Protein backbone atom coordinates (compact mmCIF):
# COMPACT_ATOMS: atom_id res chain seq x y z
CA MET A 1 188.90 126.37 114.51
CA PRO A 2 186.22 126.78 111.84
CA ILE A 3 187.02 125.20 108.51
CA VAL A 4 187.07 127.52 105.52
CA ALA A 5 186.42 125.73 102.26
CA GLN A 6 189.09 126.33 99.64
CA SER A 7 188.04 128.12 96.49
CA THR A 8 186.25 125.82 94.08
CA GLU A 9 185.42 125.75 90.41
CA THR A 10 181.91 125.57 89.03
CA THR A 11 182.07 121.76 89.24
CA ASP A 12 181.35 122.01 92.97
CA TRP A 13 177.57 121.64 93.16
CA VAL A 14 177.38 122.73 96.80
CA SER A 15 178.92 126.14 96.10
CA ARG A 16 176.62 126.71 93.14
CA PHE A 17 173.52 126.00 95.20
CA ALA A 18 174.83 128.17 98.05
CA ASP A 19 175.19 131.08 95.62
CA GLU A 20 171.59 130.64 94.43
CA VAL A 21 170.16 130.20 97.92
CA ILE A 22 171.88 133.27 99.36
CA GLU A 23 170.70 135.37 96.42
CA GLU A 24 167.13 134.04 96.66
CA SER A 25 167.00 134.51 100.42
CA GLU A 26 168.07 138.13 100.12
CA ARG A 27 165.34 138.63 97.53
CA ARG A 28 162.63 137.05 99.70
CA ALA A 29 163.66 137.97 103.24
CA PRO A 30 166.56 140.45 103.24
CA GLY A 31 168.59 140.52 106.43
CA LYS A 32 167.01 137.38 107.88
CA PRO A 33 168.62 133.98 108.39
CA VAL A 34 168.57 131.71 105.37
CA VAL A 35 166.09 128.85 105.87
CA VAL A 36 166.69 125.41 104.35
CA ALA A 37 164.56 122.39 105.15
CA SER A 38 164.29 118.62 105.21
CA GLY A 39 161.37 116.38 106.06
CA LEU A 40 161.62 112.92 107.61
CA SER A 41 158.89 110.47 108.54
CA PRO A 42 159.76 108.23 111.52
CA SER A 43 157.36 105.55 110.27
CA GLY A 44 160.12 102.94 110.53
CA PRO A 45 163.91 102.83 110.24
CA ILE A 46 165.10 106.06 108.60
CA HIS A 47 167.39 104.73 105.91
CA LEU A 48 170.33 105.90 103.82
CA GLY A 49 168.00 107.09 101.04
CA ASN A 50 166.28 109.40 103.52
CA LEU A 51 169.71 110.64 104.59
CA ARG A 52 170.07 112.37 101.21
CA GLU A 53 167.01 114.44 102.14
CA VAL A 54 169.11 115.76 105.03
CA MET A 55 172.65 115.78 103.64
CA THR A 56 171.80 117.84 100.55
CA PRO A 57 170.50 120.88 102.46
CA HIS A 58 173.03 120.28 105.26
CA LEU A 59 175.97 120.63 102.86
CA VAL A 60 174.46 123.76 101.31
CA ALA A 61 173.64 125.25 104.73
CA ASP A 62 177.14 124.52 105.94
CA GLU A 63 178.68 126.25 102.94
CA ILE A 64 176.49 129.28 103.66
CA ARG A 65 177.71 129.26 107.29
CA ARG A 66 181.32 129.07 106.11
CA ARG A 67 180.68 132.31 104.24
CA GLY A 68 179.54 134.02 107.44
CA HIS A 69 175.78 134.03 106.88
CA GLN A 70 173.19 132.97 109.44
CA VAL A 71 171.28 129.89 108.37
CA ARG A 72 168.66 127.55 109.86
CA HIS A 73 168.42 123.96 108.72
CA LEU A 74 164.96 122.74 109.70
CA ILE A 75 164.14 119.06 109.95
CA SER A 76 160.40 118.56 110.09
CA TRP A 77 159.68 115.27 111.80
CA ASP A 78 156.47 114.08 110.16
CA ASP A 79 155.51 112.27 113.36
CA TYR A 80 151.83 113.29 113.10
CA ASP A 81 151.43 111.29 109.89
CA ARG A 82 149.19 108.24 110.03
CA TYR A 83 150.67 104.85 110.82
CA ARG A 84 150.36 103.44 107.33
CA LYS A 85 151.57 99.87 107.61
CA VAL A 86 153.60 97.65 109.88
CA PRO A 87 157.19 97.52 108.58
CA LYS A 88 158.60 94.03 108.31
CA GLY A 89 161.61 92.83 110.23
CA ILE A 90 161.41 95.26 113.19
CA ALA A 91 162.68 93.73 116.42
CA GLY A 92 160.10 93.77 119.21
CA VAL A 93 157.15 94.17 116.83
CA ASP A 94 154.45 91.55 116.36
CA GLU A 95 153.03 92.36 112.95
CA ASP A 96 149.51 91.10 113.67
CA SER A 97 149.11 92.99 116.95
CA TYR A 98 150.49 96.24 115.51
CA LYS A 99 147.96 96.23 112.65
CA GLU A 100 145.36 97.51 115.13
CA HIS A 101 147.26 100.83 115.27
CA ILE A 102 147.09 101.54 111.52
CA GLY A 103 145.50 104.94 111.01
CA LYS A 104 146.71 106.49 114.27
CA PRO A 105 149.34 109.26 114.46
CA LEU A 106 152.85 107.80 114.65
CA THR A 107 153.23 109.35 118.10
CA SER A 108 150.18 107.38 119.31
CA VAL A 109 151.64 104.02 118.32
CA PRO A 110 153.55 102.10 121.03
CA ALA A 111 157.30 101.83 120.62
CA PRO A 112 158.69 98.38 119.76
CA LYS A 113 159.00 96.05 122.74
CA GLY A 114 162.15 96.73 124.72
CA SER A 115 162.48 100.34 123.55
CA SER A 116 163.14 103.06 126.12
CA HIS A 117 161.23 105.62 124.03
CA PRO A 118 157.61 106.70 124.68
CA ASN A 119 156.21 105.89 121.22
CA TRP A 120 156.92 104.58 117.75
CA ALA A 121 157.99 107.92 116.27
CA GLU A 122 160.39 108.81 119.08
CA HIS A 123 162.00 105.37 118.85
CA PHE A 124 163.00 105.83 115.22
CA LYS A 125 163.75 109.54 115.54
CA ALA A 126 166.27 108.83 118.31
CA ALA A 127 168.44 106.58 116.15
CA MET A 128 168.53 109.18 113.36
CA ILE A 129 169.32 112.05 115.75
CA GLU A 130 172.26 110.10 117.15
CA SER A 131 173.60 109.40 113.66
CA LEU A 132 173.22 113.02 112.58
CA ALA A 133 175.22 114.12 115.63
CA GLU A 134 178.03 111.72 114.67
CA LEU A 135 177.91 113.10 111.12
CA GLY A 136 178.21 116.69 112.36
CA VAL A 137 174.79 117.75 111.05
CA GLU A 138 173.45 120.84 112.83
CA PHE A 139 169.68 121.29 112.61
CA ASP A 140 166.53 122.59 114.29
CA GLY A 141 164.05 119.75 114.74
CA ILE A 142 160.32 120.45 114.47
CA SER A 143 157.80 117.86 115.66
CA GLN A 144 154.65 118.08 113.57
CA THR A 145 152.73 116.38 116.39
CA GLU A 146 153.70 119.26 118.65
CA GLN A 147 152.93 121.87 116.01
CA TYR A 148 149.45 120.53 115.29
CA THR A 149 148.36 119.48 118.79
CA THR A 150 149.34 122.79 120.39
CA GLY A 151 147.48 124.86 117.80
CA VAL A 152 150.54 126.43 116.15
CA TYR A 153 149.00 125.94 112.70
CA ARG A 154 145.43 126.83 113.68
CA GLU A 155 145.28 130.00 111.56
CA GLN A 156 146.86 128.19 108.61
CA ILE A 157 144.28 125.40 108.88
CA LEU A 158 141.37 127.84 108.99
CA HIS A 159 142.88 129.77 106.08
CA ALA A 160 143.16 126.58 104.03
CA ILE A 161 139.55 125.70 104.72
CA ARG A 162 138.35 129.20 103.85
CA HIS A 163 140.20 128.82 100.54
CA ARG A 164 139.30 125.18 99.97
CA GLY A 165 137.60 126.07 96.71
CA ASP A 166 140.82 127.61 95.37
CA ILE A 167 142.82 124.58 96.51
CA ASP A 168 140.28 122.23 94.96
CA ALA A 169 140.52 124.11 91.66
CA ILE A 170 144.29 123.67 91.58
CA LEU A 171 144.03 119.98 92.41
CA ASP A 172 141.28 119.49 89.85
CA GLN A 173 143.75 120.35 87.07
CA TYR A 174 145.49 117.04 87.76
CA ARG A 175 142.64 114.71 88.71
CA THR A 176 141.96 113.59 85.15
CA LYS A 177 145.61 112.85 84.51
CA LYS A 178 146.90 109.37 85.01
CA ALA A 179 149.97 108.72 87.09
CA PRO A 180 153.06 107.96 84.99
CA ALA A 181 154.08 104.33 85.08
CA LYS A 182 156.72 103.65 87.69
CA LYS A 183 159.78 101.64 86.80
CA GLN A 184 159.65 98.12 88.08
CA GLY A 185 160.91 97.84 91.63
CA GLN A 186 160.76 101.56 92.31
CA LYS A 187 158.64 103.13 95.01
CA PRO A 188 158.73 106.70 96.35
CA VAL A 189 161.37 107.23 98.99
CA ASP A 190 159.31 109.78 100.88
CA GLU A 191 156.96 108.27 103.45
CA ALA A 192 154.46 111.12 103.22
CA GLU A 193 154.29 110.52 99.48
CA LEU A 194 153.77 106.83 100.13
CA GLU A 195 150.97 107.62 102.54
CA ALA A 196 149.38 109.93 100.00
CA ALA A 197 149.66 107.24 97.33
CA GLU A 198 146.87 105.34 99.02
CA GLY A 199 144.45 108.24 98.54
CA SER A 200 142.45 109.42 95.55
CA GLY A 201 144.41 112.30 94.01
CA ALA A 202 145.56 112.85 90.45
CA ALA A 203 148.71 110.79 90.65
CA GLY A 204 147.15 108.39 93.10
CA GLU A 205 147.90 110.64 96.06
CA ASP A 206 145.65 111.87 98.85
CA ASP A 207 144.65 115.50 98.28
CA GLY A 208 141.65 115.70 100.55
CA SER A 209 138.12 114.42 100.37
CA SER A 210 134.83 115.38 98.76
CA THR A 211 132.07 114.99 101.33
CA ALA A 212 128.69 116.39 102.18
CA ALA A 213 130.66 119.43 103.32
CA GLY A 214 132.26 119.76 99.89
CA TYR A 215 135.98 119.41 99.23
CA PHE A 216 137.84 119.39 102.55
CA PRO A 217 141.68 119.54 102.90
CA TYR A 218 141.69 118.51 106.56
CA LYS A 219 141.53 115.13 108.31
CA PRO A 220 140.47 114.85 111.98
CA TYR A 221 141.85 112.02 114.10
CA CYS A 222 138.98 110.21 115.84
CA GLY A 223 138.37 111.24 119.45
CA ASN A 224 137.61 107.64 120.37
CA CYS A 225 139.97 105.30 118.47
CA GLU A 226 142.53 107.97 117.41
CA LYS A 227 142.47 106.82 113.78
CA ASP A 228 142.14 109.07 110.74
CA LEU A 229 139.46 106.90 109.12
CA THR A 230 137.09 109.82 109.44
CA THR A 231 134.73 111.65 107.12
CA VAL A 232 133.76 115.29 107.54
CA THR A 233 129.96 115.40 107.26
CA SER A 234 129.36 119.11 107.78
CA TYR A 235 131.23 122.37 108.30
CA ASP A 236 130.07 125.91 109.08
CA ASP A 237 132.45 128.64 107.97
CA ASP A 238 131.10 131.25 110.38
CA SER A 239 131.24 129.22 113.58
CA THR A 240 133.93 126.77 112.37
CA GLU A 241 131.74 123.96 113.66
CA LEU A 242 132.85 120.70 112.10
CA THR A 243 131.11 117.34 112.35
CA TYR A 244 132.89 114.14 111.46
CA ALA A 245 132.14 110.42 111.67
CA CYS A 246 134.67 107.63 112.12
CA THR A 247 134.24 104.65 109.81
CA ALA A 248 136.51 102.53 112.01
CA CYS A 249 134.61 102.67 115.31
CA GLY A 250 131.40 104.55 114.48
CA PHE A 251 132.20 107.51 116.76
CA SER A 252 130.91 110.93 115.73
CA GLU A 253 131.24 114.38 117.21
CA THR A 254 130.91 118.08 116.47
CA VAL A 255 133.81 120.36 117.32
CA ARG A 256 134.78 124.00 116.82
CA LEU A 257 137.78 123.92 114.50
CA GLU A 258 139.11 127.20 115.89
CA GLU A 259 139.63 125.33 119.19
CA PHE A 260 140.30 121.81 117.87
CA ASN A 261 143.86 120.43 117.70
CA ARG A 262 143.42 116.75 116.82
CA GLY A 263 143.81 116.60 113.07
CA LYS A 264 146.01 117.78 110.23
CA LEU A 265 145.95 119.18 106.73
CA VAL A 266 146.23 116.58 103.98
CA TRP A 267 149.77 116.16 102.68
CA LYS A 268 149.44 118.12 99.44
CA VAL A 269 148.26 121.13 101.42
CA ASP A 270 150.33 120.56 104.55
CA TRP A 271 153.69 120.73 102.79
CA PRO A 272 153.20 124.08 100.98
CA MET A 273 151.61 125.51 104.14
CA ARG A 274 154.85 124.78 105.98
CA TRP A 275 156.97 126.32 103.22
CA ALA A 276 155.09 129.57 103.71
CA TYR A 277 154.95 129.38 107.51
CA GLU A 278 158.69 128.71 107.92
CA GLY A 279 159.88 130.85 104.99
CA VAL A 280 161.76 127.93 103.43
CA VAL A 281 164.09 129.02 100.62
CA PHE A 282 165.77 125.69 99.81
CA GLU A 283 164.44 122.16 100.08
CA PRO A 284 165.35 119.20 97.87
CA SER A 285 162.83 116.55 96.91
CA GLY A 286 163.03 112.99 95.62
CA VAL A 287 162.58 112.17 91.94
CA ASP A 288 159.17 110.75 92.85
CA HIS A 289 157.99 114.36 93.30
CA SER A 290 158.78 115.32 89.70
CA SER A 291 155.69 113.84 88.03
CA PRO A 292 152.65 115.97 87.17
CA GLY A 293 150.27 116.07 90.10
CA SER A 294 152.90 115.11 92.65
CA SER A 295 153.13 116.91 95.97
CA PHE A 296 156.05 119.17 95.05
CA GLN A 297 154.57 120.20 91.69
CA VAL A 298 151.10 120.90 93.07
CA GLY A 299 152.55 122.49 96.19
CA GLY A 300 154.26 125.07 94.01
CA GLN A 301 150.80 126.41 93.14
CA ILE A 302 149.10 125.90 96.50
CA VAL A 303 151.86 127.72 98.43
CA GLY A 304 150.67 131.00 96.93
CA ILE A 305 147.36 130.63 98.76
CA PHE A 306 149.35 130.88 102.00
CA GLY A 307 151.28 133.91 100.76
CA GLY A 308 154.52 132.00 100.22
CA LYS A 309 156.78 130.81 97.43
CA GLN A 310 157.94 127.36 96.48
CA PRO A 311 161.51 126.63 97.67
CA ILE A 312 164.26 126.20 95.14
CA GLY A 313 166.05 122.92 95.28
CA PRO A 314 167.05 119.91 93.20
CA MET A 315 165.34 116.61 92.66
CA TYR A 316 167.67 114.08 94.20
CA ALA A 317 168.29 110.58 92.89
CA PHE A 318 167.92 107.44 94.89
CA VAL A 319 170.62 105.89 97.05
CA GLY A 320 171.19 102.15 97.00
CA ILE A 321 173.60 99.77 98.63
CA SER A 322 175.90 97.27 96.99
CA GLY A 323 173.94 94.27 95.82
CA MET A 324 170.47 95.60 96.72
CA ALA A 325 167.71 97.51 94.96
CA LYS A 326 166.53 101.00 95.88
CA MET A 327 165.52 101.31 99.50
CA SER A 328 162.10 101.88 100.98
CA SER A 329 161.58 102.26 104.71
CA SER A 330 158.21 100.57 104.50
CA LYS A 331 160.19 97.35 104.32
CA GLY A 332 162.34 95.96 107.09
CA GLY A 333 166.04 95.29 106.84
CA VAL A 334 167.02 98.43 104.94
CA PRO A 335 170.36 99.88 106.07
CA THR A 336 170.21 103.04 108.16
CA PRO A 337 172.86 105.70 108.78
CA ALA A 338 173.58 103.94 112.08
CA ASP A 339 174.27 100.72 110.18
CA ALA A 340 176.68 102.53 107.86
CA LEU A 341 178.42 104.32 110.74
CA GLN A 342 178.99 100.98 112.41
CA ILE A 343 181.38 100.01 109.60
CA MET A 344 182.65 103.34 108.26
CA GLU A 345 183.89 106.63 109.68
CA PRO A 346 181.61 109.68 109.39
CA GLN A 347 184.07 111.32 106.99
CA LEU A 348 183.66 108.55 104.42
CA LEU A 349 179.86 108.58 104.64
CA ARG A 350 179.76 112.40 104.31
CA TRP A 351 182.07 112.16 101.30
CA LEU A 352 179.77 109.73 99.48
CA TYR A 353 176.96 112.33 99.65
CA ALA A 354 179.19 115.36 99.01
CA ARG A 355 181.05 114.15 95.95
CA ARG A 356 177.98 113.33 93.84
CA ARG A 357 175.54 115.92 92.50
CA PRO A 358 172.04 115.40 93.94
CA ASN A 359 170.71 114.12 90.61
CA GLN A 360 173.36 111.39 90.49
CA SER A 361 172.50 108.08 92.11
CA PHE A 362 175.16 106.17 94.03
CA LYS A 363 175.54 103.16 96.29
CA VAL A 364 176.76 102.81 99.84
CA ALA A 365 178.92 99.70 100.13
CA PHE A 366 178.31 97.06 102.75
CA ASP A 367 180.20 94.35 100.86
CA GLN A 368 183.82 94.03 99.71
CA GLU A 369 183.41 97.30 97.79
CA ILE A 370 183.88 99.19 101.06
CA GLN A 371 187.58 98.32 100.92
CA ARG A 372 187.93 99.91 97.47
CA LEU A 373 186.02 102.99 98.63
CA TYR A 374 188.38 103.38 101.56
CA ASP A 375 191.40 103.01 99.27
CA GLU A 376 189.95 105.76 97.06
CA TRP A 377 189.30 107.97 100.10
CA ASP A 378 192.86 107.49 101.42
CA ARG A 379 194.32 108.35 98.01
CA LEU A 380 192.23 111.55 97.96
CA ASP A 381 193.39 112.35 101.50
CA ALA A 382 197.01 112.06 100.34
CA LYS A 383 196.41 114.18 97.24
CA VAL A 384 194.76 116.92 99.28
CA ALA A 385 197.72 116.86 101.67
CA ASP A 386 200.31 117.22 98.91
CA GLY A 387 198.29 119.75 96.89
CA SER A 388 197.73 117.58 93.82
CA ALA A 389 193.94 117.10 94.14
CA LEU A 390 191.53 118.76 91.72
CA PRO A 391 189.55 121.74 93.09
CA ALA A 392 186.20 119.92 93.11
CA ASP A 393 187.79 116.97 94.93
CA VAL A 394 189.35 119.33 97.45
CA ALA A 395 185.93 120.85 98.09
CA ALA A 396 184.26 117.46 98.55
CA HIS A 397 187.07 116.41 100.91
CA ALA A 398 186.72 119.58 102.98
CA ARG A 399 182.98 119.03 103.31
CA ALA A 400 183.61 115.43 104.35
CA VAL A 401 186.20 115.99 107.09
CA GLY A 402 184.34 118.74 108.90
CA THR A 403 181.82 121.54 109.02
CA ALA A 404 181.88 125.29 109.61
CA ALA A 405 182.10 124.47 113.32
CA GLY A 406 185.32 122.48 112.98
CA GLU A 407 186.77 119.12 112.00
CA LEU A 408 185.08 115.88 112.89
CA PRO A 409 187.08 113.53 115.17
CA ARG A 410 189.37 111.37 113.07
CA THR A 411 191.60 108.32 113.40
CA PRO A 412 195.14 109.41 114.44
CA ARG A 413 196.85 106.68 112.34
CA PRO A 414 194.49 105.90 109.45
CA LEU A 415 195.96 102.54 108.38
CA PRO A 416 194.47 100.94 105.25
CA TYR A 417 190.94 99.69 105.93
CA ARG A 418 191.53 96.41 104.09
CA THR A 419 194.60 95.77 106.25
CA LEU A 420 192.68 96.47 109.45
CA ALA A 421 189.83 94.23 108.27
CA SER A 422 192.26 91.39 107.53
CA VAL A 423 193.90 91.74 110.93
CA ALA A 424 190.53 91.83 112.69
CA ASP A 425 189.48 88.76 110.72
CA ILE A 426 192.59 86.73 111.51
CA THR A 427 192.85 87.68 115.18
CA ALA A 428 189.11 87.15 115.88
CA GLY A 429 188.88 89.78 118.61
CA HIS A 430 192.25 89.25 120.32
CA GLU A 431 193.45 92.83 120.68
CA ASP A 432 196.96 91.91 121.87
CA GLN A 433 197.51 89.90 118.70
CA ALA A 434 196.03 92.69 116.57
CA LEU A 435 198.40 95.22 118.13
CA ARG A 436 201.39 92.90 117.55
CA ILE A 437 200.58 92.58 113.87
CA LEU A 438 199.80 96.25 113.32
CA SER A 439 202.97 97.32 115.15
CA GLU A 440 204.98 95.30 112.62
CA LEU A 441 203.44 96.98 109.57
CA ASP A 442 205.93 99.83 109.73
CA PRO A 443 208.91 98.96 111.98
CA GLU A 444 210.26 102.52 111.71
CA GLN A 445 207.01 103.96 113.14
CA PRO A 446 205.43 101.11 115.11
CA LEU A 447 201.90 101.42 116.41
CA THR A 448 202.06 101.57 120.20
CA SER A 449 198.34 101.32 120.98
CA LEU A 450 195.22 100.22 119.12
CA ASP A 451 193.74 103.58 120.10
CA GLU A 452 195.97 105.16 117.47
CA ALA A 453 194.10 103.14 114.81
CA ARG A 454 190.65 103.83 116.24
CA PRO A 455 187.86 104.34 115.38
CA ARG A 456 188.81 102.97 111.93
CA TYR A 457 189.98 99.66 113.40
CA ASP A 458 186.68 99.22 115.25
CA LYS A 459 184.72 99.97 112.06
CA ALA A 460 186.74 97.41 110.10
CA GLU A 461 186.27 94.83 112.85
CA ALA A 462 182.51 95.48 112.88
CA TRP A 463 182.40 95.00 109.10
CA ILE A 464 184.19 91.67 109.38
CA ASN A 465 181.88 90.49 112.15
CA THR A 466 178.59 91.63 110.62
CA HIS A 467 178.96 91.61 106.83
CA VAL A 468 181.49 88.90 105.90
CA PRO A 469 179.89 85.43 105.66
CA ALA A 470 181.29 82.73 107.91
CA ASP A 471 182.56 80.70 104.96
CA GLN A 472 184.67 83.69 103.87
CA ARG A 473 186.30 84.24 107.25
CA THR A 474 189.99 83.36 107.61
CA ILE A 475 191.03 80.42 109.78
CA VAL A 476 194.76 79.69 109.88
CA ARG A 477 195.74 76.01 109.83
CA ASP A 478 196.67 74.40 113.13
CA GLU A 479 199.02 71.89 111.48
CA PRO A 480 201.02 71.82 108.22
CA ASP A 481 199.37 70.19 105.22
CA ALA A 482 201.88 67.36 105.09
CA GLU A 483 200.27 65.69 102.08
CA LEU A 484 200.37 68.86 99.97
CA LEU A 485 203.95 69.65 101.02
CA LYS A 486 205.05 66.13 100.10
CA SER A 487 203.46 66.38 96.64
CA LEU A 488 205.20 69.62 95.59
CA ASP A 489 207.51 69.62 92.61
CA GLU A 490 211.00 71.08 92.73
CA ALA A 491 209.93 74.51 91.39
CA SER A 492 207.25 74.89 94.08
CA GLN A 493 209.64 73.79 96.79
CA GLN A 494 212.18 76.34 95.55
CA SER A 495 209.59 79.13 95.67
CA LEU A 496 208.87 78.31 99.32
CA ARG A 497 212.61 78.29 100.16
CA LEU A 498 213.06 81.71 98.53
CA LEU A 499 210.17 83.09 100.57
CA LEU A 500 211.35 81.59 103.86
CA ASP A 501 214.93 82.76 103.29
CA GLY A 502 213.74 86.33 102.91
CA LEU A 503 211.20 86.47 105.75
CA ALA A 504 213.40 87.92 108.48
CA GLU A 505 214.91 90.61 106.26
CA HIS A 506 211.56 91.66 104.78
CA TRP A 507 209.37 91.47 107.90
CA SER A 508 207.20 94.55 107.35
CA LEU A 509 204.14 95.24 105.20
CA ASP A 510 206.14 96.86 102.40
CA GLY A 511 208.97 94.35 102.72
CA LEU A 512 206.71 91.30 102.52
CA THR A 513 204.83 92.83 99.58
CA HIS A 514 208.12 93.14 97.73
CA LEU A 515 209.09 89.60 98.73
CA VAL A 516 205.93 87.69 97.75
CA TYR A 517 205.68 89.44 94.39
CA GLY A 518 209.43 89.06 93.84
CA VAL A 519 209.79 85.30 94.35
CA PRO A 520 208.25 84.29 90.97
CA LYS A 521 210.35 86.98 89.25
CA VAL A 522 213.59 85.65 90.73
CA GLN A 523 212.62 82.08 89.87
CA ALA A 524 212.16 83.15 86.24
CA GLY A 525 215.59 84.79 86.16
CA PHE A 526 214.53 88.42 86.63
CA SER A 527 215.33 90.92 89.34
CA ALA A 528 212.86 91.12 92.23
CA ASP A 529 212.69 94.86 91.47
CA ALA A 530 211.69 94.37 87.82
CA THR A 531 208.59 96.36 86.85
CA PRO A 532 205.59 94.83 85.00
CA LYS A 533 206.73 96.50 81.77
CA GLU A 534 210.02 94.62 82.00
CA LEU A 535 208.38 91.23 82.51
CA PRO A 536 206.67 88.73 80.18
CA PRO A 537 202.94 88.08 80.72
CA GLU A 538 203.55 84.60 82.12
CA ILE A 539 205.06 86.11 85.27
CA LYS A 540 201.56 87.16 86.37
CA THR A 541 200.40 83.57 85.91
CA ALA A 542 203.34 82.33 87.99
CA GLN A 543 202.53 84.87 90.73
CA ARG A 544 198.89 83.75 90.90
CA SER A 545 199.96 80.10 91.18
CA PHE A 546 202.47 80.96 93.93
CA PHE A 547 199.86 82.96 95.86
CA ALA A 548 197.33 80.10 95.59
CA LEU A 549 199.92 77.67 96.97
CA LEU A 550 200.61 79.93 99.95
CA TYR A 551 196.89 80.35 100.68
CA HIS A 552 196.38 76.57 100.62
CA LEU A 553 199.29 75.98 102.97
CA LEU A 554 198.31 78.75 105.37
CA VAL A 555 194.48 78.81 105.37
CA GLY A 556 193.38 75.86 103.24
CA ARG A 557 191.71 77.99 100.54
CA ASP A 558 192.51 79.41 97.11
CA THR A 559 192.24 83.01 98.33
CA GLY A 560 192.25 85.06 101.52
CA PRO A 561 193.46 88.36 102.95
CA ARG A 562 196.37 90.08 101.22
CA LEU A 563 199.36 87.80 101.68
CA PRO A 564 201.69 90.36 103.31
CA THR A 565 199.04 91.07 105.96
CA LEU A 566 198.31 87.36 106.37
CA LEU A 567 202.02 86.53 106.85
CA LEU A 568 202.40 89.25 109.48
CA ALA A 569 199.29 87.99 111.24
CA VAL A 570 200.44 84.38 111.32
CA GLY A 571 203.90 85.33 112.61
CA GLN A 572 207.34 84.19 111.42
CA ASP A 573 207.61 81.02 113.51
CA ARG A 574 204.18 79.73 112.55
CA VAL A 575 204.68 80.63 108.87
CA ARG A 576 207.89 78.58 108.84
CA ALA A 577 206.15 75.63 110.48
CA LEU A 578 203.19 75.69 108.07
CA LEU A 579 205.43 76.03 105.02
CA GLY A 580 207.46 73.00 106.04
CA GLN A 581 210.64 74.48 107.51
């Protein structure tokens, strides 16, 4: 069944943009499907910063679909861009040997060794397409290699060249302006912008070349070495005869541009051309596009030459991950959507993008913070279920759990992520042990199969195995720490007796939580049910000391997984043995 978003207040940014986009689309192209767009360059791993380029229009497009309108979400794969540099840290790629391909179209570069895909671009596109399917993102993909090499844009190219003087005049307004200083550590998130940054435009971006043929907004790929290190030496407007020379290999040829399909418009002209050609109404852009002379700003003027209008859309802020600086896909090792989906359910990842306005930066957690995020998500889930959530939170939740087409698959029994992670850590892959522990969490409703806790259990296990350092993994003692047990004073021995006496009666997650927090209270003469307000501050100190003692006796460290989960994992008999009974 399609999901219908509940009514939202003006705090829901998705609804506000949907209102604007529907209104603007009716003004520009009444009765036609609404067109929103994203652009991705498969120049390397497509990371979680790039995902915002997709999720922002996806969420808006999905809201428009929920309202019954037809909408197309285009993803332009910029796979005809030049291979700019060899990303570091890519498996199956020898950096020195791949340098020889710099300057070729991405689709002419071999895929990394061991890949089943025909070229570099398809290799990195495939991973993103798979992740977008898991996230429920519906889109129409457009390969720019296919568009250019089959002549789809031929008329647009010839039009741009006929109006190259007008384009040059627009670009000339910015050529004397210096690029604004970038903040330390920040680079543009958009690969096309990065590519352009190596050119000679106003803000340090490629806007075409001045040659013997005058300003020229088009770059041929060499017919011999396939690289774009070419210079147009002459052009005849009447015959469209174009002569170019390659500075890489020395090859030169004369072609008729009206029949030639091995080249592309420079980025600052290519992007607005596509806006006009596709009728794009909404497309977000990174904050790197906001400076004077940047592609989005200049494109807003150039698009008129093609008879189109600049799309509306926000500048979106960067996405980081816990403990790391802003991402750039020109570097290896940056987390991708596939990396995130290995350790978190699609609903959580969608929620991170849906709950923040595009101009708000946020981080995706790959460290311990993921446990807090999951706790926050589960609390929201409960509030939505009981009707106590705020309208904006309800809207973000609805956009996270599904799309206009229906709900995303979800875990039948969504047990706490931190509990599942602790169990996966302690059991080290033994599913029978994991099921035993999880079935004891709630004796009144025992888990009967790990499948009930999947895929969340698998995500938590993957997080433990891939993102928790070995020295932070939990290893339960094989034998009691006889020396420590022998050295305990009477108060410590009493605390262990109180715990052991209550194990059988309290053997559940809630029961053991009550027990381990209650022992220091009882020792101090208070009820185990006493609330923090009824207790002196020193009780917290006593609890911390008691917990540290238990961790030392069970796992030989000061800290570890939550004690109730740890006790369940170790099992009653082994707990008694390790605590000296």
